[in-house]
N, C-alpha and C. Protein backbone atom coordinates (compact mmCIF):
# COMPACT_ATOMS: atom_id res chain seq x y z
N MET A 1 -8.39 -7.25 -4.22
CA MET A 1 -8.05 -6.24 -3.33
C MET A 1 -9.51 -6.32 -2.67
N ARG A 2 -10.74 -5.94 -2.79
CA ARG A 2 -11.48 -6.00 -1.95
C ARG A 2 -11.66 -7.13 -1.16
N LYS A 3 -11.87 -8.75 -1.33
CA LYS A 3 -12.30 -9.74 -1.00
C LYS A 3 -10.85 -10.55 0.12
N LEU A 4 -9.73 -9.97 -0.09
CA LEU A 4 -8.78 -10.00 0.26
C LEU A 4 -9.02 -9.75 1.70
N LEU A 5 -9.56 -8.37 1.70
CA LEU A 5 -9.55 -7.11 2.76
C LEU A 5 -11.15 -8.12 3.54
N LEU A 6 -11.91 -8.43 3.65
CA LEU A 6 -13.12 -8.87 3.25
C LEU A 6 -13.04 -10.17 4.08
N ALA A 7 -11.94 -11.49 3.44
CA ALA A 7 -11.20 -12.65 4.28
C ALA A 7 -10.04 -12.34 5.51
N HIS A 8 -9.94 -11.11 5.41
CA HIS A 8 -8.74 -10.73 6.17
C HIS A 8 -8.77 -9.61 7.40
N PRO A 9 -10.17 -9.05 7.71
CA PRO A 9 -9.76 -7.85 8.52
C PRO A 9 -9.46 -7.31 9.09
N GLN A 10 -9.35 -8.37 9.72
CA GLN A 10 -8.08 -7.79 10.90
C GLN A 10 -6.50 -7.67 10.65
N THR A 11 -6.02 -8.36 9.35
CA THR A 11 -4.74 -7.98 9.21
C THR A 11 -4.42 -7.26 7.84
N PHE A 12 -5.37 -7.59 7.11
CA PHE A 12 -5.54 -6.82 5.82
C PHE A 12 -4.58 -5.43 5.62
N PRO A 13 -4.13 -4.75 4.79
CA PRO A 13 -3.33 -3.41 5.16
C PRO A 13 -4.85 -2.38 4.97
N ALA A 14 -4.53 -1.34 5.59
CA ALA A 14 -5.77 0.25 5.40
C ALA A 14 -5.68 0.43 4.00
N PRO A 15 -7.26 0.54 3.27
CA PRO A 15 -6.83 1.05 1.55
C PRO A 15 -6.31 2.89 2.26
N VAL A 16 -5.49 3.17 1.24
CA VAL A 16 -5.37 4.84 0.96
C VAL A 16 -6.14 5.53 1.26
N HIS A 17 -7.66 5.28 0.35
CA HIS A 17 -8.59 6.09 -0.76
C HIS A 17 -9.42 4.90 -0.74
N GLU A 18 -10.58 5.05 -0.26
CA GLU A 18 -11.85 4.57 -0.27
C GLU A 18 -12.88 5.02 -0.65
N GLY A 19 -13.62 3.76 -1.40
CA GLY A 19 -14.29 5.07 -2.34
C GLY A 19 -15.72 3.97 -3.12
N SER A 20 -15.86 4.35 -4.26
CA SER A 20 -16.08 3.29 -5.35
C SER A 20 -14.88 2.83 -6.19
N ALA A 21 -13.68 2.69 -6.00
CA ALA A 21 -12.83 2.63 -6.09
C ALA A 21 -11.95 2.70 -4.95
N SER A 22 -11.14 1.65 -4.36
CA SER A 22 -10.11 1.68 -3.45
C SER A 22 -8.50 1.33 -3.98
N ILE A 23 -7.78 2.45 -3.24
CA ILE A 23 -6.06 2.22 -3.80
C ILE A 23 -5.32 2.20 -2.50
N TRP A 24 -4.75 0.96 -2.47
CA TRP A 24 -3.69 0.77 -1.98
C TRP A 24 -2.42 0.67 -2.35
N HIS A 25 -1.39 0.98 -1.08
CA HIS A 25 0.00 1.08 -1.67
C HIS A 25 0.77 -0.67 -1.99
N LEU A 26 1.64 -0.98 -3.05
CA LEU A 26 2.08 -1.83 -3.48
C LEU A 26 2.55 -2.49 -2.35
N ALA A 27 3.52 -2.22 -1.79
CA ALA A 27 4.60 -2.03 -0.59
C ALA A 27 3.47 -2.56 0.03
N ASP A 28 3.07 -1.92 1.03
CA ASP A 28 1.65 -2.46 1.55
C ASP A 28 0.86 -3.92 2.20
N ILE A 29 0.89 -4.31 0.46
CA ILE A 29 0.34 -5.53 0.35
C ILE A 29 1.39 -6.49 0.06
N LEU A 30 2.82 -6.33 -1.12
CA LEU A 30 3.40 -7.22 -1.05
C LEU A 30 3.71 -7.75 0.47
N SER A 31 3.73 -6.71 1.10
CA SER A 31 4.74 -7.15 2.58
C SER A 31 3.61 -7.83 3.65
N TRP A 32 2.72 -7.34 3.49
CA TRP A 32 1.05 -8.33 4.23
C TRP A 32 1.16 -10.05 3.52
N MET A 33 1.77 -10.07 1.75
CA MET A 33 1.34 -10.99 1.59
C MET A 33 1.80 -11.97 2.22
N GLN A 34 3.98 -11.03 1.96
CA GLN A 34 5.02 -11.83 2.63
C GLN A 34 4.81 -12.84 3.99
N ALA A 35 4.19 -12.17 4.52
CA ALA A 35 4.36 -12.21 6.16
C ALA A 35 3.22 -12.85 6.25
N ARG A 36 2.56 -12.93 5.79
CA ARG A 36 1.33 -14.53 5.49
C ARG A 36 2.17 -16.02 5.26
N GLY A 37 2.73 -15.56 4.19
CA GLY A 37 3.95 -16.75 3.44
C GLY A 37 3.20 -17.08 2.60
N SER A 38 1.66 -16.77 1.99
CA SER A 38 1.44 -16.76 1.04
C SER A 38 1.36 -16.94 -0.34
N GLN A 39 2.78 -15.77 -0.79
CA GLN A 39 2.99 -16.07 -2.40
C GLN A 39 4.70 -15.02 -2.14
N LYS A 40 5.32 -15.70 -3.02
CA LYS A 40 6.79 -15.74 -3.28
C LYS A 40 6.91 -14.05 -3.81
N VAL A 41 7.97 -13.01 -3.16
CA VAL A 41 7.74 -12.13 -4.06
C VAL A 41 9.03 -11.80 -3.95
N SER A 42 9.42 -11.38 -4.95
CA SER A 42 10.86 -11.01 -5.28
C SER A 42 11.47 -9.86 -4.85
N SER A 43 12.77 -9.43 -4.58
CA SER A 43 13.41 -8.95 -3.58
C SER A 43 12.86 -7.59 -4.08
N GLU A 44 13.41 -7.45 -5.22
CA GLU A 44 13.52 -6.98 -6.53
C GLU A 44 11.79 -5.78 -6.58
N LEU A 45 11.37 -6.06 -6.88
CA LEU A 45 9.65 -6.01 -6.34
C LEU A 45 9.28 -5.14 -5.59
N ALA A 46 9.62 -5.95 -4.35
CA ALA A 46 9.84 -5.45 -2.72
C ALA A 46 9.93 -4.05 -2.80
N GLU A 47 11.77 -3.92 -3.48
CA GLU A 47 12.47 -2.46 -3.26
C GLU A 47 11.58 -1.41 -4.00
N LEU A 48 11.26 -1.85 -5.63
CA LEU A 48 10.68 -0.93 -6.53
C LEU A 48 9.00 -0.23 -5.73
N ALA A 49 8.64 -0.98 -4.87
CA ALA A 49 7.56 -1.14 -4.84
C ALA A 49 7.56 -0.43 -2.64
N ALA A 50 8.78 0.00 -2.61
CA ALA A 50 9.30 0.73 -1.43
C ALA A 50 9.52 1.59 -1.69
N ALA A 51 10.25 2.20 -3.58
CA ALA A 51 10.47 3.64 -3.14
C ALA A 51 9.42 4.12 -3.85
N ALA A 52 8.39 3.58 -4.68
CA ALA A 52 7.39 4.11 -5.20
C ALA A 52 6.28 4.68 -3.80
N LEU A 53 6.38 3.78 -2.73
CA LEU A 53 6.22 4.39 -1.96
C LEU A 53 6.35 5.43 -0.63
N GLN A 54 8.06 5.25 -0.99
CA GLN A 54 7.87 7.14 -0.39
C GLN A 54 8.31 8.07 -1.56
N ILE A 55 8.33 7.70 -2.50
CA ILE A 55 8.38 8.32 -3.29
C ILE A 55 7.05 9.15 -2.95
N ASN A 56 5.47 8.20 -3.18
CA ASN A 56 4.59 9.16 -3.20
C ASN A 56 4.39 9.59 -1.90
N VAL A 57 4.70 9.18 -1.08
CA VAL A 57 4.22 10.40 0.73
C VAL A 57 4.88 11.42 0.54
N ALA A 58 6.05 11.65 -0.04
CA ALA A 58 7.09 12.30 -0.16
C ALA A 58 6.17 13.50 -1.33
N LYS A 59 5.46 12.96 -2.03
CA LYS A 59 4.68 13.97 -2.54
C LYS A 59 3.59 14.98 -2.39
N GLU A 60 2.85 13.42 -1.69
CA GLU A 60 1.78 14.00 -0.69
C GLU A 60 2.34 14.80 0.40
N GLN A 61 3.24 14.72 1.24
CA GLN A 61 3.35 15.90 2.38
C GLN A 61 3.93 17.34 1.42
N GLU A 62 4.29 17.17 0.61
CA GLU A 62 4.57 18.13 -0.14
C GLU A 62 3.77 19.05 -0.52
N ARG A 63 2.66 18.41 -1.00
CA ARG A 63 1.60 19.15 -1.64
C ARG A 63 0.76 19.56 -0.36
N LEU A 64 0.84 18.62 0.91
CA LEU A 64 0.22 19.67 1.93
C LEU A 64 0.09 20.41 2.65
N VAL A 65 1.74 21.10 2.09
CA VAL A 65 2.90 21.71 2.78
C VAL A 65 1.97 22.82 1.98
N GLN A 66 1.96 22.92 0.13
CA GLN A 66 1.92 23.94 0.32
C GLN A 66 0.31 24.60 0.15
N HIS A 67 -0.45 23.96 0.37
CA HIS A 67 -2.02 24.17 -0.13
C HIS A 67 -2.54 22.99 1.57
N PRO A 68 -2.64 23.33 2.34
CA PRO A 68 -3.19 22.84 3.58
C PRO A 68 -4.43 22.97 3.87
N GLY A 69 -4.86 22.39 4.37
CA GLY A 69 -6.03 22.47 4.83
C GLY A 69 -7.02 22.16 3.38
């Protein structure tokens, strides 16, 4: 991922977390790959990644509401 980020700094999705290990949402990476036409992504994988993203965002939102600051 780091190589793709460095090679395409203007278009590559931003990581969710940056540090010694950076983390990206798979849905963002798959969308980026599809938009570039660089990789065939199955609709099943794209749907699964989108569902996982929604779950992760909902969990994080819930955590922030329960533990603000």
